Amino acid sequence: MRRWILASCPLIVMFILSGYGFKPFTVKVPEQLKVKNPIMVSFPQDEALLSNYQIAPPFLGSQFIGFKEALAFKESQGNYFVTNTFGYLGKYQFGLSTLELVGVYDGNQFLSNPVLQEKVFHINTSRNKWILRKDIKRYVGVRMNGVEVTESGILAAAHLAGAGNVKLYLRSHGRMEISDGYGTSISNYMKKFSGYDVSMIEAKRNPRI
C-alpha cells in the first residue's frame, strides 16, 4: 500500500498542475492607466519636439537679484568655477580683457573667488550703464525685431556682446545684429532679460575694484 501511494503522488500532482499550465496568464490594465494618445515622454529621441523645453532657473523676482541670477544661470548655470571653451571665466563668464578694465589681472584668482566675481559683475554693470546711459533714455520702450527694448534687456545684451556693440544695434534699429560664439544674439538677450528692475544699479564712469 505504501509503495502504491508513493508511486501515485507524482501523477496526482502532475494532474493538478496541468489544469493551470496550459492557460495563458494575463493582467488587465486599468482603463485609467492606458496610454491612448502619444505624449512627449514617449519620444525623448525627437530633439525637434523637445527643443523648446529648457531647464529654467528658480524665479527670484524681478528686482536686481533676479536679473543677475537669471543671467548667471544662462551664462554658466550659476557655476563660479567653470571656464567655457572660449576661455570665459566664472559664474558670469567674463573675458580677461573685461576683467582688466575693472582692475582684475589674475584670472586664476578671479575664478577661485566668488565674492570677487559678484563685485566685478556689479561694477561692470555700472560701467555698461554709464556707457549706454543716453541710449537707455532714447530707446527704452521702442520695439526692435519684435522685442520691446527695456533697460534690463540693454544691460544683459551689453554683458553678452559689449556696450559698444549694443550701441550699434540700438542706433541701427536692430539691423546690426551681433551674436556670440555660441550663436546667442543681442535680440535674444533683449527679449530673455526684459522687464527686470535694475534701477538700483548706479551708472559709473570707469569704476574699478
C-alpha atoms as a PDB file:
ATOM      1  CA  MET A   1       0.000   0.000   0.000  1.00  0.00           C
ATOM      2  CA  ARG A   2       2.770   2.440   0.935  1.00  0.00           C
ATOM      3  CA  ARG A   3       4.539   1.808  -2.376  1.00  0.00           C
ATOM      4  CA  TRP A   4       1.291   2.438  -4.287  1.00  0.00           C
ATOM      5  CA  ILE A   5       0.811   5.814  -2.537  1.00  0.00           C
ATOM      6  CA  LEU A   6       4.406   6.876  -3.236  1.00  0.00           C
ATOM      7  CA  ALA A   7       4.080   5.917  -6.896  1.00  0.00           C
ATOM      8  CA  SER A   8       0.748   7.666  -7.399  1.00  0.00           C
ATOM      9  CA  CYS A   9       1.623  11.006  -5.708  1.00  0.00           C
ATOM     10  CA  PRO A  10       3.654  12.399  -8.689  1.00  0.00           C
ATOM     11  CA  LEU A  11       0.806  11.506 -11.009  1.00  0.00           C
ATOM     12  CA  ILE A  12      -1.727  13.338  -8.840  1.00  0.00           C
ATOM     13  CA  VAL A  13       0.487  16.433  -8.630  1.00  0.00           C
ATOM     14  CA  MET A  14       1.037  16.479 -12.413  1.00  0.00           C
ATOM     15  CA  PHE A  15      -2.719  16.195 -12.985  1.00  0.00           C
ATOM     16  CA  ILE A  16      -3.424  19.157 -10.707  1.00  0.00           C
ATOM     17  CA  LEU A  17      -0.733  21.349 -12.299  1.00  0.00           C
ATOM     18  CA  SER A  18      -1.861  20.508 -15.806  1.00  0.00           C
ATOM     19  CA  GLY A  19      -5.041  22.400 -15.078  1.00  0.00           C
ATOM     20  CA  TYR A  20      -3.007  25.613 -14.839  1.00  0.00           C
ATOM     21  CA  GLY A  21      -0.077  25.059 -17.133  1.00  0.00           C
ATOM     22  CA  PHE A  22      -1.855  25.467 -20.450  1.00  0.00           C
ATOM     23  CA  LYS A  23      -3.929  28.554 -19.646  1.00  0.00           C
ATOM     24  CA  PRO A  24      -2.436  31.946 -20.687  1.00  0.00           C
ATOM     25  CA  PHE A  25      -1.712  34.232 -17.746  1.00  0.00           C
ATOM     26  CA  THR A  26      -2.893  37.801 -18.423  1.00  0.00           C
ATOM     27  CA  VAL A  27      -3.042  41.012 -16.409  1.00  0.00           C
ATOM     28  CA  LYS A  28      -5.768  43.508 -17.197  1.00  0.00           C
ATOM     29  CA  VAL A  29      -4.515  47.122 -17.222  1.00  0.00           C
ATOM     30  CA  PRO A  30      -6.972  49.531 -15.557  1.00  0.00           C
ATOM     31  CA  GLU A  31      -8.630  51.812 -18.086  1.00  0.00           C
ATOM     32  CA  GLN A  32      -7.304  54.991 -16.429  1.00  0.00           C
ATOM     33  CA  LEU A  33      -3.697  53.775 -16.799  1.00  0.00           C
ATOM     34  CA  LYS A  34      -3.850  53.010 -20.511  1.00  0.00           C
ATOM     35  CA  VAL A  35      -1.933  55.351 -22.859  1.00  0.00           C
ATOM     36  CA  LYS A  36      -4.412  56.276 -25.566  1.00  0.00           C
ATOM     37  CA  ASN A  37      -2.508  59.106 -27.245  1.00  0.00           C
ATOM     38  CA  PRO A  38       1.251  59.710 -27.778  1.00  0.00           C
ATOM     39  CA  ILE A  39       2.778  62.079 -25.232  1.00  0.00           C
ATOM     40  CA  MET A  40       6.138  63.881 -25.159  1.00  0.00           C
ATOM     41  CA  VAL A  41       7.880  61.475 -22.813  1.00  0.00           C
ATOM     42  CA  SER A  42       7.145  58.653 -25.259  1.00  0.00           C
ATOM     43  CA  PHE A  43       9.584  60.146 -27.779  1.00  0.00           C
ATOM     44  CA  PRO A  44      12.658  61.534 -25.990  1.00  0.00           C
ATOM     45  CA  GLN A  45      14.758  60.938 -29.095  1.00  0.00           C
ATOM     46  CA  ASP A  46      12.743  63.570 -31.021  1.00  0.00           C
ATOM     47  CA  GLU A  47      15.012  66.601 -30.470  1.00  0.00           C
ATOM     48  CA  ALA A  48      12.809  68.903 -32.527  1.00  0.00           C
ATOM     49  CA  LEU A  49       9.882  68.178 -30.240  1.00  0.00           C
ATOM     50  CA  LEU A  50      11.920  68.903 -27.116  1.00  0.00           C
ATOM     51  CA  SER A  51      13.829  71.948 -28.393  1.00  0.00           C
ATOM     52  CA  ASN A  52      11.511  74.451 -26.732  1.00  0.00           C
ATOM     53  CA  TYR A  53      11.731  72.796 -23.313  1.00  0.00           C
ATOM     54  CA  GLN A  54      14.717  74.079 -21.338  1.00  0.00           C
ATOM     55  CA  ILE A  55      15.783  73.977 -17.729  1.00  0.00           C
ATOM     56  CA  ALA A  56      14.958  77.300 -16.133  1.00  0.00           C
ATOM     57  CA  PRO A  57      16.455  78.889 -13.005  1.00  0.00           C
ATOM     58  CA  PRO A  58      14.308  79.385  -9.905  1.00  0.00           C
ATOM     59  CA  PHE A  59      12.390  82.654 -10.204  1.00  0.00           C
ATOM     60  CA  LEU A  60      13.900  85.140  -7.741  1.00  0.00           C
ATOM     61  CA  GLY A  61      11.691  88.086  -8.584  1.00  0.00           C
ATOM     62  CA  SER A  62      12.030  90.991 -10.977  1.00  0.00           C
ATOM     63  CA  GLN A  63      14.496  93.042  -8.936  1.00  0.00           C
ATOM     64  CA  PHE A  64      18.268  93.158  -9.473  1.00  0.00           C
ATOM     65  CA  ILE A  65      18.939  89.855  -7.686  1.00  0.00           C
ATOM     66  CA  GLY A  66      16.507  88.098 -10.019  1.00  0.00           C
ATOM     67  CA  PHE A  67      18.183  89.742 -13.008  1.00  0.00           C
ATOM     68  CA  LYS A  68      21.731  88.790 -12.077  1.00  0.00           C
ATOM     69  CA  GLU A  69      20.891  85.210 -11.065  1.00  0.00           C
ATOM     70  CA  ALA A  70      18.877  84.595 -14.233  1.00  0.00           C
ATOM     71  CA  LEU A  71      21.763  85.983 -16.295  1.00  0.00           C
ATOM     72  CA  ALA A  72      24.258  83.846 -14.385  1.00  0.00           C
ATOM     73  CA  PHE A  73      22.158  80.747 -14.975  1.00  0.00           C
ATOM     74  CA  LYS A  74      22.108  81.450 -18.698  1.00  0.00           C
ATOM     75  CA  GLU A  75      25.876  82.027 -18.761  1.00  0.00           C
ATOM     76  CA  SER A  76      27.102  79.145 -16.593  1.00  0.00           C
ATOM     77  CA  GLN A  77      24.143  77.637 -14.724  1.00  0.00           C
ATOM     78  CA  GLY A  78      25.438  79.642 -11.758  1.00  0.00           C
ATOM     79  CA  ASN A  79      28.804  77.846 -11.528  1.00  0.00           C
ATOM     80  CA  TYR A  80      31.535  80.091 -10.080  1.00  0.00           C
ATOM     81  CA  PHE A  81      34.354  77.729 -11.047  1.00  0.00           C
ATOM     82  CA  VAL A  82      33.707  76.948 -14.719  1.00  0.00           C
ATOM     83  CA  THR A  83      35.686  78.033 -17.798  1.00  0.00           C
ATOM     84  CA  ASN A  84      33.985  77.707 -21.182  1.00  0.00           C
ATOM     85  CA  THR A  85      35.531  76.641 -24.498  1.00  0.00           C
ATOM     86  CA  PHE A  86      36.331  80.266 -25.389  1.00  0.00           C
ATOM     87  CA  GLY A  87      38.152  80.907 -22.112  1.00  0.00           C
ATOM     88  CA  TYR A  88      35.438  82.932 -20.373  1.00  0.00           C
ATOM     89  CA  LEU A  89      35.533  82.587 -16.626  1.00  0.00           C
ATOM     90  CA  GLY A  90      33.204  82.007 -13.722  1.00  0.00           C
ATOM     91  CA  LYS A  91      29.568  82.431 -12.880  1.00  0.00           C
ATOM     92  CA  TYR A  92      29.061  85.382 -15.245  1.00  0.00           C
ATOM     93  CA  GLN A  93      31.559  84.259 -17.907  1.00  0.00           C
ATOM     94  CA  PHE A  94      33.928  87.237 -18.040  1.00  0.00           C
ATOM     95  CA  GLY A  95      36.774  87.518 -20.506  1.00  0.00           C
ATOM     96  CA  LEU A  96      40.241  88.578 -19.350  1.00  0.00           C
ATOM     97  CA  SER A  97      40.048  91.857 -21.287  1.00  0.00           C
ATOM     98  CA  THR A  98      36.874  92.875 -19.433  1.00  0.00           C
ATOM     99  CA  LEU A  99      38.408  91.906 -16.098  1.00  0.00           C
ATOM    100  CA  GLU A 100      41.392  94.142 -16.784  1.00  0.00           C
ATOM    101  CA  LEU A 101      39.071  97.080 -17.485  1.00  0.00           C
ATOM    102  CA  VAL A 102      37.748  96.879 -13.916  1.00  0.00           C
ATOM    103  CA  GLY A 103      41.124  96.205 -12.273  1.00  0.00           C
ATOM    104  CA  VAL A 104      41.400  92.393 -12.113  1.00  0.00           C
ATOM    105  CA  TYR A 105      44.549  90.952 -13.697  1.00  0.00           C
ATOM    106  CA  ASP A 106      44.744  87.409 -12.295  1.00  0.00           C
ATOM    107  CA  GLY A 107      42.278  85.031 -13.942  1.00  0.00           C
ATOM    108  CA  ASN A 108      43.036  82.167 -11.557  1.00  0.00           C
ATOM    109  CA  GLN A 109      42.426  84.340  -8.515  1.00  0.00           C
ATOM    110  CA  PHE A 110      39.184  85.598 -10.056  1.00  0.00           C
ATOM    111  CA  LEU A 111      37.959  82.088 -10.832  1.00  0.00           C
ATOM    112  CA  SER A 112      38.550  80.890  -7.271  1.00  0.00           C
ATOM    113  CA  ASN A 113      36.920  83.887  -5.566  1.00  0.00           C
ATOM    114  CA  PRO A 114      33.073  84.038  -5.679  1.00  0.00           C
ATOM    115  CA  VAL A 115      32.967  87.300  -3.703  1.00  0.00           C
ATOM    116  CA  LEU A 116      35.240  88.960  -6.256  1.00  0.00           C
ATOM    117  CA  GLN A 117      33.097  87.642  -9.109  1.00  0.00           C
ATOM    118  CA  GLU A 118      29.983  89.241  -7.618  1.00  0.00           C
ATOM    119  CA  LYS A 119      31.804  92.560  -7.178  1.00  0.00           C
ATOM    120  CA  VAL A 120      33.052  92.503 -10.765  1.00  0.00           C
ATOM    121  CA  PHE A 121      29.580  91.809 -12.105  1.00  0.00           C
ATOM    122  CA  HIS A 122      28.139  94.747 -10.176  1.00  0.00           C
ATOM    123  CA  ILE A 123      30.951  97.079 -11.225  1.00  0.00           C
ATOM    124  CA  ASN A 124      30.841  96.039 -14.883  1.00  0.00           C
ATOM    125  CA  THR A 125      27.064  96.518 -14.996  1.00  0.00           C
ATOM    126  CA  SER A 126      27.538 100.032 -13.563  1.00  0.00           C
ATOM    127  CA  ARG A 127      30.142 100.719 -16.238  1.00  0.00           C
ATOM    128  CA  ASN A 128      27.876  99.479 -19.034  1.00  0.00           C
ATOM    129  CA  LYS A 129      25.016 101.583 -17.711  1.00  0.00           C
ATOM    130  CA  TRP A 130      27.226 104.686 -17.894  1.00  0.00           C
ATOM    131  CA  ILE A 131      28.328 103.957 -21.458  1.00  0.00           C
ATOM    132  CA  LEU A 132      24.741 103.298 -22.563  1.00  0.00           C
ATOM    133  CA  ARG A 133      23.004 105.968 -20.443  1.00  0.00           C
ATOM    134  CA  LYS A 134      21.920 108.061 -23.460  1.00  0.00           C
ATOM    135  CA  ASP A 135      20.749 105.016 -25.387  1.00  0.00           C
ATOM    136  CA  ILE A 136      18.722 103.823 -22.391  1.00  0.00           C
ATOM    137  CA  LYS A 137      16.855 107.141 -22.319  1.00  0.00           C
ATOM    138  CA  ARG A 138      16.375 107.174 -26.076  1.00  0.00           C
ATOM    139  CA  TYR A 139      15.361 103.598 -26.884  1.00  0.00           C
ATOM    140  CA  VAL A 140      13.583 102.097 -23.853  1.00  0.00           C
ATOM    141  CA  GLY A 141      10.032 101.345 -24.981  1.00  0.00           C
ATOM    142  CA  VAL A 142      10.944 101.126 -28.687  1.00  0.00           C
ATOM    143  CA  ARG A 143      10.314  97.800 -30.446  1.00  0.00           C
ATOM    144  CA  MET A 144      13.152  96.279 -32.487  1.00  0.00           C
ATOM    145  CA  ASN A 145      12.994  92.907 -34.209  1.00  0.00           C
ATOM    146  CA  GLY A 146       9.670  92.300 -32.479  1.00  0.00           C
ATOM    147  CA  VAL A 147      11.123  92.873 -28.993  1.00  0.00           C
ATOM    148  CA  GLU A 148      10.412  95.839 -26.725  1.00  0.00           C
ATOM    149  CA  VAL A 149      13.638  97.447 -25.565  1.00  0.00           C
ATOM    150  CA  THR A 150      13.988  97.658 -21.766  1.00  0.00           C
ATOM    151  CA  GLU A 151      16.811  98.847 -19.530  1.00  0.00           C
ATOM    152  CA  SER A 152      17.475  95.371 -18.168  1.00  0.00           C
ATOM    153  CA  GLY A 153      17.468  93.949 -21.706  1.00  0.00           C
ATOM    154  CA  ILE A 154      20.055  96.543 -22.762  1.00  0.00           C
ATOM    155  CA  LEU A 155      22.312  95.761 -19.793  1.00  0.00           C
ATOM    156  CA  ALA A 156      22.024  91.999 -20.351  1.00  0.00           C
ATOM    157  CA  ALA A 157      22.880  92.441 -24.038  1.00  0.00           C
ATOM    158  CA  ALA A 158      25.874  94.591 -23.060  1.00  0.00           C
ATOM    159  CA  HIS A 159      27.086  91.769 -20.827  1.00  0.00           C
ATOM    160  CA  LEU A 160      26.800  89.390 -23.774  1.00  0.00           C
ATOM    161  CA  ALA A 161      28.230  91.471 -26.611  1.00  0.00           C
ATOM    162  CA  GLY A 162      29.806  94.575 -25.059  1.00  0.00           C
ATOM    163  CA  ALA A 163      28.338  98.036 -24.659  1.00  0.00           C
ATOM    164  CA  GLY A 164      29.775  99.242 -27.980  1.00  0.00           C
ATOM    165  CA  ASN A 165      28.009  96.526 -29.967  1.00  0.00           C
ATOM    166  CA  VAL A 166      24.744  97.231 -28.172  1.00  0.00           C
ATOM    167  CA  LYS A 167      25.073 100.884 -29.217  1.00  0.00           C
ATOM    168  CA  LEU A 168      25.432  99.765 -32.843  1.00  0.00           C
ATOM    169  CA  TYR A 169      22.402  97.523 -32.504  1.00  0.00           C
ATOM    170  CA  LEU A 170      20.190 100.202 -30.992  1.00  0.00           C
ATOM    171  CA  ARG A 171      21.290 103.025 -33.271  1.00  0.00           C
ATOM    172  CA  SER A 172      20.740 100.848 -36.346  1.00  0.00           C
ATOM    173  CA  HIS A 173      17.276  99.933 -35.017  1.00  0.00           C
ATOM    174  CA  GLY A 174      18.225  96.272 -34.836  1.00  0.00           C
ATOM    175  CA  ARG A 175      19.839  95.928 -38.236  1.00  0.00           C
ATOM    176  CA  MET A 176      23.364  95.495 -36.782  1.00  0.00           C
ATOM    177  CA  GLU A 177      22.686  92.177 -35.062  1.00  0.00           C
ATOM    178  CA  ILE A 178      25.597  90.647 -33.128  1.00  0.00           C
ATOM    179  CA  SER A 179      25.888  87.062 -31.837  1.00  0.00           C
ATOM    180  CA  ASP A 180      28.406  85.414 -29.520  1.00  0.00           C
ATOM    181  CA  GLY A 181      30.470  82.326 -30.320  1.00  0.00           C
ATOM    182  CA  TYR A 182      27.548  80.039 -29.475  1.00  0.00           C
ATOM    183  CA  GLY A 183      25.080  81.905 -31.703  1.00  0.00           C
ATOM    184  CA  THR A 184      23.233  83.802 -28.973  1.00  0.00           C
ATOM    185  CA  SER A 185      22.214  87.213 -30.287  1.00  0.00           C
ATOM    186  CA  ILE A 186      21.678  90.663 -28.818  1.00  0.00           C
ATOM    187  CA  SER A 187      17.968  90.497 -29.642  1.00  0.00           C
ATOM    188  CA  ASN A 188      17.751  87.142 -27.846  1.00  0.00           C
ATOM    189  CA  TYR A 189      19.143  88.688 -24.650  1.00  0.00           C
ATOM    190  CA  MET A 190      16.960  91.771 -25.103  1.00  0.00           C
ATOM    191  CA  LYS A 191      13.923  89.503 -25.045  1.00  0.00           C
ATOM    192  CA  LYS A 192      15.038  86.991 -22.421  1.00  0.00           C
ATOM    193  CA  PHE A 193      16.047  89.595 -19.822  1.00  0.00           C
ATOM    194  CA  SER A 194      13.444  92.270 -20.411  1.00  0.00           C
ATOM    195  CA  GLY A 195      11.358  93.770 -17.640  1.00  0.00           C
ATOM    196  CA  TYR A 196      13.675  93.483 -14.624  1.00  0.00           C
ATOM    197  CA  ASP A 197      14.005  96.467 -12.310  1.00  0.00           C
ATOM    198  CA  VAL A 198      17.705  97.375 -12.394  1.00  0.00           C
ATOM    199  CA  SER A 199      17.251 100.943 -11.166  1.00  0.00           C
ATOM    200  CA  MET A 200      19.426 100.208  -8.138  1.00  0.00           C
ATOM    201  CA  ILE A 201      22.467  99.993 -10.422  1.00  0.00           C
ATOM    202  CA  GLU A 202      24.180 103.368 -10.443  1.00  0.00           C
ATOM    203  CA  ALA A 203      25.801 104.405 -13.714  1.00  0.00           C
ATOM    204  CA  LYS A 204      29.516 104.970 -13.041  1.00  0.00           C
ATOM    205  CA  ARG A 205      32.290 106.075 -15.344  1.00  0.00           C
ATOM    206  CA  ASN A 206      35.307 103.757 -15.236  1.00  0.00           C
ATOM    207  CA  PRO A 207      34.516 102.025 -11.900  1.00  0.00           C
ATOM    208  CA  ARG A 208      37.241  99.707 -10.629  1.00  0.00           C
ATOM    209  CA  ILE A 209      37.805  97.141  -7.902  1.00  0.00           C
END
